[in-house]
Amino acid sequence: RANIEVIPTTYVVIEPGRAVGWIGNANLVPRERGDLAAACALAAKFLGSHVFITDSGSGAPEPAPKQMISAISKVCDGNPLLYFYGGGVKTAKQAGDCIEAGAHGVQVGNAFEAEEPGKIKKMAEAVKKAGKVRL
């Protein structure tokens, strides 16, 4: 009735999880277990998800390891599964690194709470640059 398209999405919380892990009472995927996160992406694909999101939580000290993002992207690439990473991305370099490692997009939140002129533009440029390298 609402005429809203449903997009099947899988959301997996990575250590440290922060508030999202606590609120959702999530079983956190350990940061050193890229294989486990990739298995979650494979399960998402087989269950019909179109989007796969991993999140270390708002205010995480740093993004997930590049090896984890890369392991997940290998499952998602070439399949109808978009992969977005969120959590701990505070700089343009970190945003670009996530894309270079294989994420299709980056979710950024806390990094924009402090007013730094041009920060959004720098992050967008880093993501575009890293995306062009992957193509």
N, C-alpha and C. Protein backbone atom coordinates (compact mmCIF):
# COMPACT_ATOMS: atom_id res chain seq x y z
N ARG A 1 0.80 -1.19 0.00
CA ARG A 1 0.00 0.00 0.00
C ARG A 1 0.85 1.26 0.00
N ALA A 2 1.94 1.24 0.73
CA ALA A 2 2.79 2.42 0.82
C ALA A 2 3.63 2.61 -0.43
N ASN A 3 3.68 1.59 -1.28
CA ASN A 3 4.44 1.66 -2.52
C ASN A 3 5.92 1.96 -2.27
N ILE A 4 6.48 1.31 -1.25
CA ILE A 4 7.88 1.47 -0.90
C ILE A 4 8.63 0.21 -1.31
N GLU A 5 9.73 0.41 -2.02
CA GLU A 5 10.54 -0.74 -2.43
C GLU A 5 11.29 -1.30 -1.22
N VAL A 6 11.23 -2.60 -1.07
CA VAL A 6 11.95 -3.28 0.00
C VAL A 6 13.30 -3.71 -0.54
N ILE A 7 14.37 -3.36 0.16
CA ILE A 7 15.71 -3.76 -0.25
C ILE A 7 16.26 -4.68 0.83
N PRO A 8 16.33 -5.99 0.56
CA PRO A 8 16.84 -6.94 1.56
C PRO A 8 18.28 -6.59 1.94
N THR A 9 18.50 -6.38 3.23
CA THR A 9 19.79 -5.91 3.73
C THR A 9 20.23 -6.76 4.91
N THR A 10 21.52 -7.06 4.96
CA THR A 10 22.11 -7.76 6.10
C THR A 10 23.07 -6.80 6.79
N TYR A 11 22.98 -6.72 8.11
CA TYR A 11 23.77 -5.79 8.92
C TYR A 11 24.54 -6.60 9.95
N VAL A 12 25.86 -6.56 9.89
CA VAL A 12 26.71 -7.33 10.78
C VAL A 12 27.58 -6.37 11.59
N VAL A 13 27.64 -6.59 12.90
CA VAL A 13 28.39 -5.70 13.78
C VAL A 13 29.75 -6.31 14.09
N ILE A 14 30.79 -5.50 13.86
CA ILE A 14 32.19 -5.90 14.07
C ILE A 14 32.66 -5.28 15.40
N GLU A 15 33.59 -5.97 16.08
CA GLU A 15 34.18 -5.39 17.29
C GLU A 15 34.74 -4.00 16.99
N PRO A 16 34.64 -3.03 17.86
CA PRO A 16 34.14 -3.10 19.23
C PRO A 16 32.62 -2.99 19.34
N GLY A 17 31.93 -2.64 18.26
CA GLY A 17 30.47 -2.61 18.28
C GLY A 17 29.86 -1.35 18.86
N ARG A 18 30.47 -0.82 19.87
CA ARG A 18 30.01 0.40 20.51
C ARG A 18 28.51 0.36 20.82
N ALA A 19 27.82 1.47 20.65
CA ALA A 19 26.40 1.56 21.03
C ALA A 19 25.52 0.62 20.21
N VAL A 20 25.79 0.51 18.90
CA VAL A 20 24.94 -0.34 18.06
C VAL A 20 25.01 -1.80 18.52
N GLY A 21 26.17 -2.24 18.94
CA GLY A 21 26.31 -3.60 19.45
C GLY A 21 25.56 -3.81 20.75
N TRP A 22 25.61 -2.79 21.61
CA TRP A 22 24.92 -2.88 22.89
C TRP A 22 23.41 -2.83 22.70
N ILE A 23 22.94 -1.86 21.92
CA ILE A 23 21.49 -1.71 21.70
C ILE A 23 20.91 -2.94 21.03
N GLY A 24 21.61 -3.46 20.04
CA GLY A 24 21.12 -4.63 19.32
C GLY A 24 21.44 -5.95 19.99
N ASN A 25 22.16 -5.89 21.13
CA ASN A 25 22.58 -7.11 21.82
C ASN A 25 23.23 -8.08 20.84
N ALA A 26 24.11 -7.53 20.00
CA ALA A 26 24.71 -8.29 18.90
C ALA A 26 25.83 -9.21 19.37
N ASN A 27 25.98 -10.31 18.66
CA ASN A 27 27.17 -11.15 18.81
C ASN A 27 28.19 -10.55 17.85
N LEU A 28 29.19 -9.88 18.40
CA LEU A 28 30.15 -9.14 17.58
C LEU A 28 31.11 -10.08 16.85
N VAL A 29 31.40 -9.76 15.61
CA VAL A 29 32.40 -10.51 14.85
C VAL A 29 33.77 -9.98 15.28
N PRO A 30 34.68 -10.84 15.74
CA PRO A 30 36.01 -10.37 16.15
C PRO A 30 36.76 -9.73 14.98
N ARG A 31 37.50 -8.67 15.27
CA ARG A 31 38.23 -7.92 14.23
C ARG A 31 39.22 -8.78 13.46
N GLU A 32 39.77 -9.78 14.10
CA GLU A 32 40.77 -10.61 13.43
C GLU A 32 40.14 -11.77 12.64
N ARG A 33 38.81 -11.85 12.58
CA ARG A 33 38.14 -12.96 11.91
C ARG A 33 37.46 -12.52 10.61
N GLY A 34 38.29 -12.10 9.66
CA GLY A 34 37.77 -11.74 8.35
C GLY A 34 37.05 -12.90 7.68
N ASP A 35 37.52 -14.12 7.97
CA ASP A 35 36.88 -15.31 7.39
C ASP A 35 35.44 -15.46 7.88
N LEU A 36 35.21 -15.13 9.14
CA LEU A 36 33.87 -15.23 9.71
C LEU A 36 32.95 -14.16 9.11
N ALA A 37 33.47 -12.95 8.95
CA ALA A 37 32.69 -11.87 8.34
C ALA A 37 32.37 -12.21 6.88
N ALA A 38 33.33 -12.81 6.17
CA ALA A 38 33.09 -13.22 4.77
C ALA A 38 32.04 -14.31 4.71
N ALA A 39 32.05 -15.22 5.68
CA ALA A 39 31.02 -16.28 5.73
C ALA A 39 29.64 -15.66 5.96
N CYS A 40 29.57 -14.60 6.76
CA CYS A 40 28.30 -13.90 6.96
C CYS A 40 27.82 -13.28 5.65
N ALA A 41 28.75 -12.72 4.87
CA ALA A 41 28.40 -12.14 3.57
C ALA A 41 27.89 -13.22 2.62
N LEU A 42 28.53 -14.37 2.65
CA LEU A 42 28.09 -15.48 1.79
C LEU A 42 26.68 -15.93 2.19
N ALA A 43 26.43 -16.02 3.48
CA ALA A 43 25.09 -16.38 3.96
C ALA A 43 24.07 -15.33 3.52
N ALA A 44 24.45 -14.07 3.60
CA ALA A 44 23.55 -12.99 3.17
C ALA A 44 23.21 -13.13 1.70
N LYS A 45 24.21 -13.45 0.91
CA LYS A 45 23.99 -13.64 -0.54
C LYS A 45 23.00 -14.78 -0.78
N PHE A 46 23.22 -15.91 -0.13
CA PHE A 46 22.36 -17.07 -0.33
C PHE A 46 20.94 -16.85 0.20
N LEU A 47 20.80 -15.96 1.19
CA LEU A 47 19.48 -15.66 1.74
C LEU A 47 18.75 -14.57 0.96
N GLY A 48 19.40 -14.03 -0.06
CA GLY A 48 18.74 -13.07 -0.94
C GLY A 48 18.95 -11.60 -0.62
N SER A 49 19.93 -11.28 0.22
CA SER A 49 20.20 -9.87 0.50
C SER A 49 20.77 -9.19 -0.73
N HIS A 50 20.46 -7.92 -0.87
CA HIS A 50 21.02 -7.11 -1.95
C HIS A 50 22.12 -6.18 -1.43
N VAL A 51 22.10 -5.94 -0.11
CA VAL A 51 23.06 -5.04 0.52
C VAL A 51 23.64 -5.74 1.75
N PHE A 52 24.96 -5.62 1.92
CA PHE A 52 25.65 -6.17 3.09
C PHE A 52 26.38 -5.02 3.76
N ILE A 53 26.11 -4.81 5.04
CA ILE A 53 26.73 -3.71 5.78
C ILE A 53 27.47 -4.29 6.98
N THR A 54 28.73 -3.87 7.16
CA THR A 54 29.43 -4.17 8.41
C THR A 54 29.66 -2.84 9.12
N ASP A 55 29.57 -2.87 10.44
CA ASP A 55 29.68 -1.65 11.23
C ASP A 55 30.43 -1.95 12.51
N SER A 56 31.49 -1.18 12.75
CA SER A 56 32.24 -1.31 14.00
C SER A 56 31.65 -0.42 15.09
N GLY A 57 30.65 0.37 14.75
CA GLY A 57 29.97 1.22 15.71
C GLY A 57 30.44 2.65 15.65
N SER A 58 29.52 3.56 15.94
CA SER A 58 29.85 4.99 15.98
C SER A 58 30.91 5.24 17.03
N GLY A 59 31.93 5.96 16.66
CA GLY A 59 32.99 6.28 17.60
C GLY A 59 34.01 5.18 17.79
N ALA A 60 33.98 4.15 16.94
CA ALA A 60 35.01 3.11 17.03
C ALA A 60 36.37 3.78 16.84
N PRO A 61 37.41 3.31 17.53
CA PRO A 61 38.71 3.97 17.44
C PRO A 61 39.33 3.95 16.05
N GLU A 62 39.00 2.94 15.25
CA GLU A 62 39.55 2.83 13.89
C GLU A 62 38.66 1.90 13.08
N PRO A 63 38.79 1.95 11.76
CA PRO A 63 38.01 1.03 10.92
C PRO A 63 38.46 -0.42 11.12
N ALA A 64 37.65 -1.33 10.63
CA ALA A 64 38.02 -2.75 10.65
C ALA A 64 39.29 -2.94 9.82
N PRO A 65 40.04 -4.01 10.07
CA PRO A 65 41.26 -4.25 9.29
C PRO A 65 40.96 -4.39 7.79
N LYS A 66 41.90 -3.91 6.98
CA LYS A 66 41.74 -4.00 5.52
C LYS A 66 41.54 -5.44 5.07
N GLN A 67 42.20 -6.39 5.75
CA GLN A 67 42.07 -7.79 5.38
C GLN A 67 40.63 -8.27 5.52
N MET A 68 39.92 -7.78 6.54
CA MET A 68 38.53 -8.17 6.73
C MET A 68 37.67 -7.59 5.61
N ILE A 69 37.85 -6.31 5.32
CA ILE A 69 37.07 -5.66 4.26
C ILE A 69 37.33 -6.36 2.93
N SER A 70 38.57 -6.71 2.68
CA SER A 70 38.94 -7.40 1.44
C SER A 70 38.30 -8.78 1.35
N ALA A 71 38.31 -9.52 2.44
CA ALA A 71 37.71 -10.86 2.45
C ALA A 71 36.21 -10.79 2.17
N ILE A 72 35.55 -9.80 2.73
CA ILE A 72 34.12 -9.62 2.49
C ILE A 72 33.88 -9.23 1.04
N SER A 73 34.69 -8.31 0.53
CA SER A 73 34.48 -7.83 -0.84
C SER A 73 34.65 -8.94 -1.87
N LYS A 74 35.50 -9.90 -1.59
CA LYS A 74 35.69 -11.03 -2.52
C LYS A 74 34.40 -11.84 -2.67
N VAL A 75 33.63 -11.92 -1.60
CA VAL A 75 32.34 -12.61 -1.66
C VAL A 75 31.31 -11.76 -2.40
N CYS A 76 31.36 -10.45 -2.16
CA CYS A 76 30.34 -9.54 -2.72
C CYS A 76 30.60 -9.17 -4.18
N ASP A 77 31.85 -9.05 -4.59
CA ASP A 77 32.17 -8.66 -5.96
C ASP A 77 31.70 -9.71 -6.95
N GLY A 78 31.15 -9.24 -8.05
CA GLY A 78 30.67 -10.17 -9.08
C GLY A 78 29.32 -10.78 -8.75
N ASN A 79 28.77 -10.42 -7.62
CA ASN A 79 27.46 -10.92 -7.18
C ASN A 79 26.54 -9.72 -7.01
N PRO A 80 25.27 -9.95 -7.00
CA PRO A 80 24.37 -8.81 -6.79
C PRO A 80 24.29 -8.41 -5.32
N LEU A 81 25.44 -8.16 -4.70
CA LEU A 81 25.49 -7.82 -3.28
C LEU A 81 26.39 -6.61 -3.08
N LEU A 82 25.82 -5.46 -2.77
CA LEU A 82 26.60 -4.26 -2.50
C LEU A 82 27.13 -4.32 -1.08
N TYR A 83 28.38 -3.87 -0.89
CA TYR A 83 29.00 -3.93 0.43
C TYR A 83 29.36 -2.52 0.91
N PHE A 84 28.85 -2.18 2.09
CA PHE A 84 29.14 -0.89 2.71
C PHE A 84 29.79 -1.14 4.07
N TYR A 85 30.83 -0.33 4.37
CA TYR A 85 31.51 -0.43 5.66
C TYR A 85 31.24 0.84 6.46
N GLY A 86 31.05 0.70 7.76
CA GLY A 86 30.88 1.85 8.65
C GLY A 86 31.55 1.62 9.98
N GLY A 87 31.95 2.71 10.62
CA GLY A 87 32.54 2.64 11.96
C GLY A 87 34.02 2.96 11.99
N GLY A 88 34.39 3.98 12.73
CA GLY A 88 35.79 4.31 12.92
C GLY A 88 36.43 5.09 11.78
N VAL A 89 35.67 5.46 10.77
CA VAL A 89 36.22 6.20 9.64
C VAL A 89 36.19 7.68 9.99
N LYS A 90 37.38 8.24 10.24
CA LYS A 90 37.48 9.63 10.69
C LYS A 90 38.22 10.53 9.72
N THR A 91 38.97 9.93 8.79
CA THR A 91 39.78 10.73 7.87
C THR A 91 39.51 10.33 6.42
N ALA A 92 39.91 11.22 5.52
CA ALA A 92 39.77 10.92 4.09
C ALA A 92 40.60 9.69 3.73
N LYS A 93 41.78 9.56 4.31
CA LYS A 93 42.63 8.40 4.01
C LYS A 93 41.95 7.11 4.43
N GLN A 94 41.36 7.09 5.61
CA GLN A 94 40.66 5.89 6.07
C GLN A 94 39.49 5.55 5.16
N ALA A 95 38.75 6.56 4.71
CA ALA A 95 37.63 6.32 3.80
C ALA A 95 38.14 5.72 2.49
N GLY A 96 39.21 6.29 1.95
CA GLY A 96 39.81 5.76 0.72
C GLY A 96 40.35 4.36 0.90
N ASP A 97 40.95 4.10 2.05
CA ASP A 97 41.49 2.76 2.34
C ASP A 97 40.38 1.71 2.35
N CYS A 98 39.22 2.06 2.89
CA CYS A 98 38.09 1.11 2.92
C CYS A 98 37.64 0.78 1.50
N ILE A 99 37.60 1.78 0.63
CA ILE A 99 37.21 1.55 -0.76
C ILE A 99 38.28 0.74 -1.48
N GLU A 100 39.55 1.09 -1.27
CA GLU A 100 40.65 0.34 -1.89
C GLU A 100 40.62 -1.12 -1.46
N ALA A 101 40.24 -1.37 -0.20
CA ALA A 101 40.19 -2.74 0.32
C ALA A 101 39.03 -3.52 -0.27
N GLY A 102 38.04 -2.80 -0.84
CA GLY A 102 36.96 -3.52 -1.51
C GLY A 102 35.54 -3.11 -1.19
N ALA A 103 35.34 -2.23 -0.20
CA ALA A 103 33.98 -1.78 0.10
C ALA A 103 33.45 -0.96 -1.08
N HIS A 104 32.16 -1.10 -1.35
CA HIS A 104 31.54 -0.31 -2.42
C HIS A 104 31.18 1.09 -1.94
N GLY A 105 31.03 1.24 -0.63
CA GLY A 105 30.70 2.53 -0.05
C GLY A 105 31.10 2.58 1.41
N VAL A 106 31.16 3.78 1.95
CA VAL A 106 31.58 3.98 3.34
C VAL A 106 30.53 4.82 4.05
N GLN A 107 30.14 4.37 5.22
CA GLN A 107 29.21 5.11 6.07
C GLN A 107 30.04 5.90 7.07
N VAL A 108 29.86 7.21 7.10
CA VAL A 108 30.63 8.06 8.01
C VAL A 108 29.65 8.85 8.86
N GLY A 109 29.90 8.89 10.16
CA GLY A 109 29.00 9.61 11.05
C GLY A 109 29.73 10.56 11.97
N ASN A 110 30.36 10.01 13.01
CA ASN A 110 31.00 10.83 14.04
C ASN A 110 32.06 11.78 13.50
N ALA A 111 32.69 11.43 12.41
CA ALA A 111 33.77 12.27 11.86
C ALA A 111 33.27 13.65 11.49
N PHE A 112 31.98 13.79 11.27
CA PHE A 112 31.43 15.08 10.86
C PHE A 112 30.86 15.89 12.02
N GLU A 113 30.95 15.36 13.23
CA GLU A 113 30.42 16.10 14.37
C GLU A 113 31.25 17.33 14.68
N ALA A 114 32.56 17.22 14.53
CA ALA A 114 33.43 18.38 14.72
C ALA A 114 33.40 19.20 13.43
N GLU A 115 33.26 20.49 13.58
CA GLU A 115 33.18 21.34 12.40
C GLU A 115 34.57 21.58 11.83
N GLU A 116 34.86 20.88 10.75
CA GLU A 116 36.12 21.05 10.04
C GLU A 116 35.79 21.39 8.60
N PRO A 117 36.00 22.63 8.19
CA PRO A 117 35.66 23.02 6.83
C PRO A 117 36.35 22.12 5.79
N GLY A 118 35.57 21.66 4.84
CA GLY A 118 36.12 20.88 3.75
C GLY A 118 36.28 19.39 4.02
N LYS A 119 35.98 18.93 5.23
CA LYS A 119 36.21 17.52 5.56
C LYS A 119 35.35 16.59 4.71
N ILE A 120 34.08 16.93 4.54
CA ILE A 120 33.20 16.08 3.74
C ILE A 120 33.72 16.00 2.31
N LYS A 121 34.12 17.14 1.77
CA LYS A 121 34.63 17.18 0.39
C LYS A 121 35.89 16.32 0.25
N LYS A 122 36.81 16.42 1.23
CA LYS A 122 38.04 15.62 1.18
C LYS A 122 37.73 14.13 1.23
N MET A 123 36.78 13.74 2.07
CA MET A 123 36.41 12.32 2.15
C MET A 123 35.78 11.85 0.85
N ALA A 124 34.91 12.66 0.28
CA ALA A 124 34.27 12.30 -0.98
C ALA A 124 35.31 12.15 -2.09
N GLU A 125 36.27 13.05 -2.14
CA GLU A 125 37.32 12.97 -3.15
C GLU A 125 38.16 11.71 -2.97
N ALA A 126 38.48 11.37 -1.71
CA ALA A 126 39.27 10.16 -1.45
C ALA A 126 38.52 8.90 -1.88
N VAL A 127 37.22 8.86 -1.63
CA VAL A 127 36.40 7.71 -2.02
C VAL A 127 36.34 7.60 -3.54
N LYS A 128 36.13 8.72 -4.22
CA LYS A 128 36.09 8.71 -5.69
C LYS A 128 37.42 8.25 -6.28
N LYS A 129 38.51 8.77 -5.73
CA LYS A 129 39.84 8.40 -6.23
C LYS A 129 40.10 6.91 -6.04
N ALA A 130 39.80 6.39 -4.86
CA ALA A 130 40.01 4.97 -4.58
C ALA A 130 39.09 4.11 -5.46
N GLY A 131 37.88 4.58 -5.69
CA GLY A 131 36.95 3.84 -6.54
C GLY A 131 37.43 3.75 -7.97
N LYS A 132 38.03 4.83 -8.48
CA LYS A 132 38.56 4.82 -9.85
C LYS A 132 39.71 3.83 -9.98
N VAL A 133 40.52 3.71 -8.94
CA VAL A 133 41.64 2.76 -8.95
C VAL A 133 41.10 1.34 -9.05
N ARG A 134 40.00 1.06 -8.34
CA ARG A 134 39.42 -0.29 -8.35
C ARG A 134 38.79 -0.64 -9.69
N LEU A 135 38.32 0.35 -10.44
CA LEU A 135 37.68 0.07 -11.72
C LEU A 135 38.74 -0.34 -12.70
